[in-house]
Amino acid sequence: DLAFFSAGKGRSKEYVHHAVDAGTVVIDNSSAFRMNPEVPLVVPEINPHMAFKHNGIIANPNCSTIQMVVALNPLHKVATINRVIVSTYQSTSGAGAKGMKELLDQTRAFTNKDPLDVSVFPAQIAFNLFPHVDVFQENGYTREEMKMVNETQKIMDAPKMRISATCVRVPVLRAHSEAVWIETEDKLTAKEARGILENSPGIIVKDESVDGGYPMPWDADETTETYVGRIREDLSHPKGLTFWVVADQLYKGAALNSLQIAEVLTAG
């Protein structure tokens, strides 16, 4: 039997072990078990074999991490990524339905010149953005940023990969976007990277240097793929690449990835 848990870290810690003790395999969408060394953290396009190394629990990664590693992994397999710098542009749905509602309510209030209620986010989100997703840690990074660092290293089995993240909340309803810079061991041209990504599962490349020739949140809304565009050779590093990644974090970043894990298990 399989059970999907998506009710938050606290409830997962309280109830998951009861399901496991009853003989059920749990796919957990919270952060409760992601960094537990005995719990596999799985993105089926990258490490499906890890799903079979479970002890009753399989963790679904953070939404921002999933879409980034789907794009990173094909390039890493060819050229070995040594360093990643990422800035995210995360939609309000990352905070749930209440986050989306706050954006809509504040937008109406702003246009009507009414007072704005700020309750879900740490600051006004309508016509604004802020580099603050989740709580701050002692090292100055937020918990969301450290999830991207630690989870990426675990999923890609790359503990020495150097990663730095800045996570930004933006006034968008759905789909997260990411600006990604990588440094590789072996040089990849933009053309080579484009070809690799075009032939990788779960990825749609939209990369034309024209108006609208790049992925946007509206493109990814309610879709299951990870979109990649703006693929360029980094002018500041001889073995650097930079690109833009967009995905619906409620689909590929959560629900779809969990279902794909289940499909891996049932297919054997």
C-alpha atoms as a PDB file:
ATOM      1  CA  ASP A   1       0.000   0.000   0.000  1.00  0.00           C
ATOM      2  CA  LEU A   2       1.013   3.606  -0.650  1.00  0.00           C
ATOM      3  CA  ALA A   3       0.042   6.705   1.307  1.00  0.00           C
ATOM      4  CA  PHE A   4       0.635  10.321   0.339  1.00  0.00           C
ATOM      5  CA  PHE A   5       1.234  12.766   3.179  1.00  0.00           C
ATOM      6  CA  SER A   6       0.967  16.489   2.441  1.00  0.00           C
ATOM      7  CA  ALA A   7      -0.283  18.061   5.648  1.00  0.00           C
ATOM      8  CA  GLY A   8       2.870  19.772   6.870  1.00  0.00           C
ATOM      9  CA  LYS A   9       6.008  18.840   8.769  1.00  0.00           C
ATOM     10  CA  GLY A  10       4.376  18.577  12.189  1.00  0.00           C
ATOM     11  CA  ARG A  11       1.624  16.185  11.158  1.00  0.00           C
ATOM     12  CA  SER A  12       4.046  14.083   9.131  1.00  0.00           C
ATOM     13  CA  LYS A  13       6.325  13.648  12.132  1.00  0.00           C
ATOM     14  CA  GLU A  14       3.331  12.701  14.262  1.00  0.00           C
ATOM     15  CA  TYR A  15       1.521  10.289  11.948  1.00  0.00           C
ATOM     16  CA  VAL A  16       3.841   8.925   9.231  1.00  0.00           C
ATOM     17  CA  HIS A  17       5.420   6.305  11.467  1.00  0.00           C
ATOM     18  CA  HIS A  18       1.984   4.899  12.316  1.00  0.00           C
ATOM     19  CA  ALA A  19       1.371   4.295   8.609  1.00  0.00           C
ATOM     20  CA  VAL A  20       4.814   2.756   8.145  1.00  0.00           C
ATOM     21  CA  ASP A  21       4.318   0.466  11.151  1.00  0.00           C
ATOM     22  CA  ALA A  22       1.100  -0.741   9.510  1.00  0.00           C
ATOM     23  CA  GLY A  23       3.053  -1.783   6.417  1.00  0.00           C
ATOM     24  CA  THR A  24       2.345   1.239   4.213  1.00  0.00           C
ATOM     25  CA  VAL A  25       4.985   2.989   2.122  1.00  0.00           C
ATOM     26  CA  VAL A  26       4.673   6.734   2.662  1.00  0.00           C
ATOM     27  CA  ILE A  27       5.550   9.400   0.101  1.00  0.00           C
ATOM     28  CA  ASP A  28       5.872  12.527   2.206  1.00  0.00           C
ATOM     29  CA  ASN A  29       5.649  16.018   0.726  1.00  0.00           C
ATOM     30  CA  SER A  30       6.810  17.894   3.828  1.00  0.00           C
ATOM     31  CA  SER A  31      10.335  18.762   4.943  1.00  0.00           C
ATOM     32  CA  ALA A  32      10.124  16.380   7.910  1.00  0.00           C
ATOM     33  CA  PHE A  33      12.358  13.617   6.541  1.00  0.00           C
ATOM     34  CA  ARG A  34      14.157  15.115   3.548  1.00  0.00           C
ATOM     35  CA  MET A  35      17.594  15.348   5.113  1.00  0.00           C
ATOM     36  CA  ASN A  36      17.324  12.124   7.104  1.00  0.00           C
ATOM     37  CA  PRO A  37      20.163   9.973   5.717  1.00  0.00           C
ATOM     38  CA  GLU A  38      17.955   6.877   5.929  1.00  0.00           C
ATOM     39  CA  VAL A  39      15.172   8.438   3.828  1.00  0.00           C
ATOM     40  CA  PRO A  40      15.622   8.712   0.040  1.00  0.00           C
ATOM     41  CA  LEU A  41      14.915  12.121  -1.493  1.00  0.00           C
ATOM     42  CA  VAL A  42      13.669  11.396  -4.987  1.00  0.00           C
ATOM     43  CA  VAL A  43      13.158  13.205  -8.280  1.00  0.00           C
ATOM     44  CA  PRO A  44      12.333  10.434 -10.780  1.00  0.00           C
ATOM     45  CA  GLU A  45      14.107  12.104 -13.715  1.00  0.00           C
ATOM     46  CA  ILE A  46      17.320  12.018 -11.673  1.00  0.00           C
ATOM     47  CA  ASN A  47      17.504   9.260  -9.066  1.00  0.00           C
ATOM     48  CA  PRO A  48      14.560   6.842  -9.479  1.00  0.00           C
ATOM     49  CA  HIS A  49      16.674   3.958  -8.162  1.00  0.00           C
ATOM     50  CA  MET A  50      16.734   5.607  -4.741  1.00  0.00           C
ATOM     51  CA  ALA A  51      12.984   5.058  -4.374  1.00  0.00           C
ATOM     52  CA  PHE A  52      13.681   1.350  -3.829  1.00  0.00           C
ATOM     53  CA  LYS A  53      16.102   2.031  -0.976  1.00  0.00           C
ATOM     54  CA  HIS A  54      13.370   3.200   1.372  1.00  0.00           C
ATOM     55  CA  ASN A  55      12.613   1.948   4.860  1.00  0.00           C
ATOM     56  CA  GLY A  56       8.960   2.856   4.536  1.00  0.00           C
ATOM     57  CA  ILE A  57       9.361   6.578   3.821  1.00  0.00           C
ATOM     58  CA  ILE A  58      10.271   8.406   0.610  1.00  0.00           C
ATOM     59  CA  ALA A  59      10.637  12.182   0.768  1.00  0.00           C
ATOM     60  CA  ASN A  60       9.423  14.562  -1.925  1.00  0.00           C
ATOM     61  CA  PRO A  61      11.852  17.496  -2.278  1.00  0.00           C
ATOM     62  CA  ASN A  62      11.190  21.204  -1.939  1.00  0.00           C
ATOM     63  CA  CYS A  63       9.404  22.698  -4.950  1.00  0.00           C
ATOM     64  CA  SER A  64      12.153  25.172  -5.860  1.00  0.00           C
ATOM     65  CA  THR A  65      14.769  22.451  -5.621  1.00  0.00           C
ATOM     66  CA  ILE A  66      12.889  20.067  -7.914  1.00  0.00           C
ATOM     67  CA  GLN A  67      12.655  22.333 -10.932  1.00  0.00           C
ATOM     68  CA  MET A  68      16.278  23.407 -10.591  1.00  0.00           C
ATOM     69  CA  VAL A  69      17.724  19.894 -10.355  1.00  0.00           C
ATOM     70  CA  VAL A  70      15.630  18.712 -13.322  1.00  0.00           C
ATOM     71  CA  ALA A  71      17.533  21.296 -15.374  1.00  0.00           C
ATOM     72  CA  LEU A  72      20.909  20.838 -13.660  1.00  0.00           C
ATOM     73  CA  ASN A  73      21.219  17.075 -13.780  1.00  0.00           C
ATOM     74  CA  PRO A  74      21.488  16.537 -17.566  1.00  0.00           C
ATOM     75  CA  LEU A  75      24.248  19.148 -17.731  1.00  0.00           C
ATOM     76  CA  HIS A  76      25.982  17.713 -14.671  1.00  0.00           C
ATOM     77  CA  LYS A  77      26.115  14.247 -16.236  1.00  0.00           C
ATOM     78  CA  VAL A  78      27.942  15.639 -19.268  1.00  0.00           C
ATOM     79  CA  ALA A  79      30.200  18.352 -17.861  1.00  0.00           C
ATOM     80  CA  THR A  80      30.198  18.030 -14.012  1.00  0.00           C
ATOM     81  CA  ILE A  81      28.832  21.110 -12.286  1.00  0.00           C
ATOM     82  CA  ASN A  82      31.173  22.489  -9.629  1.00  0.00           C
ATOM     83  CA  ARG A  83      29.238  25.566  -8.568  1.00  0.00           C
ATOM     84  CA  VAL A  84      25.655  26.847  -8.712  1.00  0.00           C
ATOM     85  CA  ILE A  85      24.315  30.316  -7.959  1.00  0.00           C
ATOM     86  CA  VAL A  86      20.544  30.671  -8.100  1.00  0.00           C
ATOM     87  CA  SER A  87      18.064  33.463  -7.514  1.00  0.00           C
ATOM     88  CA  THR A  88      14.442  32.394  -7.290  1.00  0.00           C
ATOM     89  CA  TYR A  89      11.298  34.359  -8.080  1.00  0.00           C
ATOM     90  CA  GLN A  90       8.664  32.458  -6.130  1.00  0.00           C
ATOM     91  CA  SER A  91       4.941  32.885  -6.608  1.00  0.00           C
ATOM     92  CA  THR A  92       2.432  33.463  -3.845  1.00  0.00           C
ATOM     93  CA  SER A  93       0.945  29.983  -4.237  1.00  0.00           C
ATOM     94  CA  GLY A  94       4.112  28.748  -2.560  1.00  0.00           C
ATOM     95  CA  ALA A  95       2.425  29.941   0.632  1.00  0.00           C
ATOM     96  CA  GLY A  96      -0.806  28.143  -0.252  1.00  0.00           C
ATOM     97  CA  ALA A  97      -4.255  29.400  -1.185  1.00  0.00           C
ATOM     98  CA  LYS A  98      -4.069  32.024   1.541  1.00  0.00           C
ATOM     99  CA  GLY A  99      -0.982  33.504  -0.111  1.00  0.00           C
ATOM    100  CA  MET A 100      -2.727  33.807  -3.461  1.00  0.00           C
ATOM    101  CA  LYS A 101      -5.743  35.372  -1.785  1.00  0.00           C
ATOM    102  CA  GLU A 102      -3.570  37.942  -0.028  1.00  0.00           C
ATOM    103  CA  LEU A 103      -2.062  39.018  -3.361  1.00  0.00           C
ATOM    104  CA  LEU A 104      -5.502  39.403  -4.942  1.00  0.00           C
ATOM    105  CA  ASP A 105      -6.974  41.176  -1.905  1.00  0.00           C
ATOM    106  CA  GLN A 106      -4.043  43.591  -1.671  1.00  0.00           C
ATOM    107  CA  THR A 107      -4.201  44.309  -5.403  1.00  0.00           C
ATOM    108  CA  ARG A 108      -7.881  45.231  -5.151  1.00  0.00           C
ATOM    109  CA  ALA A 109      -7.257  47.324  -2.048  1.00  0.00           C
ATOM    110  CA  PHE A 110      -4.324  49.111  -3.657  1.00  0.00           C
ATOM    111  CA  THR A 111      -6.253  50.013  -6.814  1.00  0.00           C
ATOM    112  CA  ASN A 112      -9.197  51.198  -4.687  1.00  0.00           C
ATOM    113  CA  LYS A 113      -6.832  53.169  -2.419  1.00  0.00           C
ATOM    114  CA  ASP A 114      -8.009  51.157   0.592  1.00  0.00           C
ATOM    115  CA  PRO A 115      -5.779  50.003   3.484  1.00  0.00           C
ATOM    116  CA  LEU A 116      -3.813  46.824   2.749  1.00  0.00           C
ATOM    117  CA  ASP A 117      -3.964  43.875   5.125  1.00  0.00           C
ATOM    118  CA  VAL A 118      -0.605  42.107   5.562  1.00  0.00           C
ATOM    119  CA  SER A 119      -0.989  38.803   7.389  1.00  0.00           C
ATOM    120  CA  VAL A 120       0.395  35.907   5.326  1.00  0.00           C
ATOM    121  CA  PHE A 121       3.658  37.439   4.126  1.00  0.00           C
ATOM    122  CA  PRO A 122       6.237  39.488   6.050  1.00  0.00           C
ATOM    123  CA  ALA A 123       5.563  42.545   3.872  1.00  0.00           C
ATOM    124  CA  GLN A 124       3.150  43.868   1.260  1.00  0.00           C
ATOM    125  CA  ILE A 125       3.247  41.564  -1.772  1.00  0.00           C
ATOM    126  CA  ALA A 126       1.040  43.510  -4.214  1.00  0.00           C
ATOM    127  CA  PHE A 127       3.254  45.587  -6.544  1.00  0.00           C
ATOM    128  CA  ASN A 128       6.225  44.582  -4.415  1.00  0.00           C
ATOM    129  CA  LEU A 129       8.744  41.789  -3.854  1.00  0.00           C
ATOM    130  CA  PHE A 130      11.072  40.802  -1.030  1.00  0.00           C
ATOM    131  CA  PRO A 131      14.107  38.496  -0.610  1.00  0.00           C
ATOM    132  CA  HIS A 132      12.549  36.559   2.243  1.00  0.00           C
ATOM    133  CA  VAL A 133      11.019  33.083   1.835  1.00  0.00           C
ATOM    134  CA  ASP A 134      10.729  31.074   5.070  1.00  0.00           C
ATOM    135  CA  VAL A 135      12.569  31.955   8.277  1.00  0.00           C
ATOM    136  CA  PHE A 136      16.110  33.279   8.607  1.00  0.00           C
ATOM    137  CA  GLN A 137      18.866  30.980   9.853  1.00  0.00           C
ATOM    138  CA  GLU A 138      21.958  31.767  11.917  1.00  0.00           C
ATOM    139  CA  ASN A 139      24.141  31.924   8.786  1.00  0.00           C
ATOM    140  CA  GLY A 140      22.017  34.735   7.307  1.00  0.00           C
ATOM    141  CA  TYR A 141      20.347  32.519   4.711  1.00  0.00           C
ATOM    142  CA  THR A 142      16.683  31.578   4.932  1.00  0.00           C
ATOM    143  CA  ARG A 143      15.498  28.032   5.499  1.00  0.00           C
ATOM    144  CA  GLU A 144      14.198  27.946   1.904  1.00  0.00           C
ATOM    145  CA  GLU A 145      17.638  28.881   0.598  1.00  0.00           C
ATOM    146  CA  MET A 146      19.328  26.196   2.666  1.00  0.00           C
ATOM    147  CA  LYS A 147      16.800  23.628   1.438  1.00  0.00           C
ATOM    148  CA  MET A 148      17.958  24.345  -2.102  1.00  0.00           C
ATOM    149  CA  VAL A 149      21.585  23.872  -1.085  1.00  0.00           C
ATOM    150  CA  ASN A 150      21.249  20.725   0.994  1.00  0.00           C
ATOM    151  CA  GLU A 151      18.557  18.969  -1.020  1.00  0.00           C
ATOM    152  CA  THR A 152      20.324  19.543  -4.343  1.00  0.00           C
ATOM    153  CA  GLN A 153      23.514  17.980  -3.024  1.00  0.00           C
ATOM    154  CA  LYS A 154      21.585  14.971  -1.711  1.00  0.00           C
ATOM    155  CA  ILE A 155      19.412  14.370  -4.794  1.00  0.00           C
ATOM    156  CA  MET A 156      22.301  14.706  -7.224  1.00  0.00           C
ATOM    157  CA  ASP A 157      24.694  12.798  -4.946  1.00  0.00           C
ATOM    158  CA  ALA A 158      27.074  15.737  -5.205  1.00  0.00           C
ATOM    159  CA  PRO A 159      28.110  16.680  -1.655  1.00  0.00           C
ATOM    160  CA  LYS A 160      30.997  18.822  -2.915  1.00  0.00           C
ATOM    161  CA  MET A 161      28.872  20.905  -5.299  1.00  0.00           C
ATOM    162  CA  ARG A 162      29.081  24.529  -4.152  1.00  0.00           C
ATOM    163  CA  ILE A 163      25.656  26.190  -4.114  1.00  0.00           C
ATOM    164  CA  SER A 164      24.375  29.592  -3.051  1.00  0.00           C
ATOM    165  CA  ALA A 165      20.729  30.656  -3.250  1.00  0.00           C
ATOM    166  CA  THR A 166      18.712  33.840  -2.813  1.00  0.00           C
ATOM    167  CA  CYS A 167      14.965  33.225  -2.653  1.00  0.00           C
ATOM    168  CA  VAL A 168      12.614  36.070  -3.548  1.00  0.00           C
ATOM    169  CA  ARG A 169       8.822  36.244  -3.215  1.00  0.00           C
ATOM    170  CA  VAL A 170       7.184  37.982  -6.178  1.00  0.00           C
ATOM    171  CA  PRO A 171       3.593  39.106  -6.925  1.00  0.00           C
ATOM    172  CA  VAL A 172       2.752  36.167  -9.200  1.00  0.00           C
ATOM    173  CA  LEU A 173      -0.096  33.745  -8.519  1.00  0.00           C
ATOM    174  CA  ARG A 174       1.411  30.453  -9.720  1.00  0.00           C
ATOM    175  CA  ALA A 175       4.707  29.003 -10.981  1.00  0.00           C
ATOM    176  CA  HIS A 176       8.199  29.672  -9.683  1.00  0.00           C
ATOM    177  CA  SER A 177      11.004  31.110 -11.813  1.00  0.00           C
ATOM    178  CA  GLU A 178      14.748  30.823 -11.269  1.00  0.00           C
ATOM    179  CA  ALA A 179      17.825  32.527 -12.691  1.00  0.00           C
ATOM    180  CA  VAL A 180      20.614  29.950 -12.541  1.00  0.00           C
ATOM    181  CA  TRP A 181      24.371  30.343 -13.033  1.00  0.00           C
ATOM    182  CA  ILE A 182      26.624  27.274 -13.169  1.00  0.00           C
ATOM    183  CA  GLU A 183      30.356  26.622 -13.431  1.00  0.00           C
ATOM    184  CA  THR A 184      31.337  23.274 -14.944  1.00  0.00           C
ATOM    185  CA  GLU A 185      34.448  21.120 -14.893  1.00  0.00           C
ATOM    186  CA  ASP A 186      34.348  20.749 -18.679  1.00  0.00           C
ATOM    187  CA  LYS A 187      33.285  23.631 -20.886  1.00  0.00           C
ATOM    188  CA  LEU A 188      29.821  23.520 -22.424  1.00  0.00           C
ATOM    189  CA  THR A 189      28.760  25.930 -25.116  1.00  0.00           C
ATOM    190  CA  ALA A 190      25.262  27.357 -25.043  1.00  0.00           C
ATOM    191  CA  LYS A 191      24.473  25.336 -28.174  1.00  0.00           C
ATOM    192  CA  GLU A 192      25.656  22.118 -26.538  1.00  0.00           C
ATOM    193  CA  ALA A 193      23.687  22.843 -23.367  1.00  0.00           C
ATOM    194  CA  ARG A 194      20.579  23.597 -25.399  1.00  0.00           C
ATOM    195  CA  GLY A 195      20.858  20.280 -27.217  1.00  0.00           C
ATOM    196  CA  ILE A 196      21.334  18.353 -23.975  1.00  0.00           C
ATOM    197  CA  LEU A 197      18.316  19.967 -22.354  1.00  0.00           C
ATOM    198  CA  GLU A 198      16.117  19.499 -25.428  1.00  0.00           C
ATOM    199  CA  ASN A 199      16.719  15.759 -25.214  1.00  0.00           C
ATOM    200  CA  SER A 200      16.171  15.440 -21.466  1.00  0.00           C
ATOM    201  CA  PRO A 201      12.964  14.078 -19.888  1.00  0.00           C
ATOM    202  CA  GLY A 202      10.518  16.511 -18.345  1.00  0.00           C
ATOM    203  CA  ILE A 203      12.073  19.600 -19.952  1.00  0.00           C
ATOM    204  CA  ILE A 204      10.724  21.982 -22.579  1.00  0.00           C
ATOM    205  CA  VAL A 205      13.287  24.392 -24.007  1.00  0.00           C
ATOM    206  CA  LYS A 206      11.888  27.773 -25.029  1.00  0.00           C
ATOM    207  CA  ASP A 207      14.944  29.757 -25.962  1.00  0.00           C
ATOM    208  CA  GLU A 208      14.648  32.395 -28.658  1.00  0.00           C
ATOM    209  CA  SER A 209      16.153  35.875 -28.473  1.00  0.00           C
ATOM    210  CA  VAL A 210      12.897  37.594 -29.401  1.00  0.00           C
ATOM    211  CA  ASP A 211      10.041  39.178 -27.471  1.00  0.00           C
ATOM    212  CA  GLY A 212       8.340  36.390 -25.535  1.00  0.00           C
ATOM    213  CA  GLY A 213      10.850  33.781 -26.680  1.00  0.00           C
ATOM    214  CA  TYR A 214      11.498  32.618 -23.117  1.00  0.00           C
ATOM    215  CA  PRO A 215       9.507  30.811 -20.413  1.00  0.00           C
ATOM    216  CA  MET A 216       7.224  32.830 -18.155  1.00  0.00           C
ATOM    217  CA  PRO A 217       4.994  31.816 -15.229  1.00  0.00           C
ATOM    218  CA  TRP A 218       1.918  31.965 -17.475  1.00  0.00           C
ATOM    219  CA  ASP A 219       3.533  29.356 -19.748  1.00  0.00           C
ATOM    220  CA  ALA A 220       4.024  26.929 -16.875  1.00  0.00           C
ATOM    221  CA  ASP A 221       0.709  27.502 -15.090  1.00  0.00           C
ATOM    222  CA  GLU A 222      -1.081  24.148 -14.653  1.00  0.00           C
ATOM    223  CA  THR A 223       1.496  22.254 -16.727  1.00  0.00           C
ATOM    224  CA  THR A 224       3.742  19.390 -15.673  1.00  0.00           C
ATOM    225  CA  GLU A 225       7.002  20.201 -17.464  1.00  0.00           C
ATOM    226  CA  THR A 226      10.024  22.243 -16.440  1.00  0.00           C
ATOM    227  CA  TYR A 227      10.717  25.069 -18.899  1.00  0.00           C
ATOM    228  CA  VAL A 228      14.230  26.318 -19.650  1.00  0.00           C
ATOM    229  CA  GLY A 229      15.286  29.372 -21.653  1.00  0.00           C
ATOM    230  CA  ARG A 230      17.726  32.305 -21.857  1.00  0.00           C
ATOM    231  CA  ILE A 231      20.588  29.801 -22.223  1.00  0.00           C
ATOM    232  CA  ARG A 232      23.833  31.769 -22.484  1.00  0.00           C
ATOM    233  CA  GLU A 233      27.538  31.376 -21.917  1.00  0.00           C
ATOM    234  CA  ASP A 234      28.527  33.323 -18.819  1.00  0.00           C
ATOM    235  CA  LEU A 235      30.640  36.324 -19.783  1.00  0.00           C
ATOM    236  CA  SER A 236      32.330  36.321 -16.365  1.00  0.00           C
ATOM    237  CA  HIS A 237      33.641  32.735 -16.376  1.00  0.00           C
ATOM    238  CA  PRO A 238      35.227  30.628 -19.156  1.00  0.00           C
ATOM    239  CA  LYS A 239      33.317  27.517 -18.097  1.00  0.00           C
ATOM    240  CA  GLY A 240      30.111  29.198 -16.994  1.00  0.00           C
ATOM    241  CA  LEU A 241      26.544  29.007 -18.243  1.00  0.00           C
ATOM    242  CA  THR A 242      23.444  30.898 -17.211  1.00  0.00           C
ATOM    243  CA  PHE A 243      19.815  30.056 -17.891  1.00  0.00           C
ATOM    244  CA  TRP A 244      16.234  30.626 -16.747  1.00  0.00           C
ATOM    245  CA  VAL A 245      13.987  27.897 -15.309  1.00  0.00           C
ATOM    246  CA  VAL A 246      10.205  28.034 -14.791  1.00  0.00           C
ATOM    247  CA  ALA A 247       7.767  25.409 -13.495  1.00  0.00           C
ATOM    248  CA  ASP A 248       4.389  25.155 -11.805  1.00  0.00           C
ATOM    249  CA  GLN A 249       5.544  24.330  -8.296  1.00  0.00           C
ATOM    250  CA  LEU A 250       2.132  22.911  -7.365  1.00  0.00           C
ATOM    251  CA  TYR A 251       2.415  20.346 -10.171  1.00  0.00           C
ATOM    252  CA  LYS A 252       6.018  19.310 -10.812  1.00  0.00           C
ATOM    253  CA  GLY A 253       7.101  20.893  -7.553  1.00  0.00           C
ATOM    254  CA  ALA A 254       4.742  18.810  -5.439  1.00  0.00           C
ATOM    255  CA  ALA A 255       1.827  16.702  -6.705  1.00  0.00           C
ATOM    256  CA  LEU A 256       3.301  15.392  -9.959  1.00  0.00           C
ATOM    257  CA  ASN A 257       6.671  14.492  -8.475  1.00  0.00           C
ATOM    258  CA  SER A 258       4.937  12.486  -5.742  1.00  0.00           C
ATOM    259  CA  LEU A 259       2.837  10.637  -8.320  1.00  0.00           C
ATOM    260  CA  GLN A 260       5.924   9.938 -10.425  1.00  0.00           C
ATOM    261  CA  ILE A 261       7.603   8.390  -7.383  1.00  0.00           C
ATOM    262  CA  ALA A 262       4.550   6.165  -6.927  1.00  0.00           C
ATOM    263  CA  GLU A 263       4.717   5.157 -10.598  1.00  0.00           C
ATOM    264  CA  VAL A 264       8.369   4.185 -10.197  1.00  0.00           C
ATOM    265  CA  LEU A 265       7.489   1.961  -7.241  1.00  0.00           C
ATOM    266  CA  THR A 266       4.490   0.305  -8.873  1.00  0.00           C
ATOM    267  CA  ALA A 267       6.387  -0.299 -12.122  1.00  0.00           C
ATOM    268  CA  GLY A 268       8.995  -2.170 -10.105  1.00  0.00           C
END
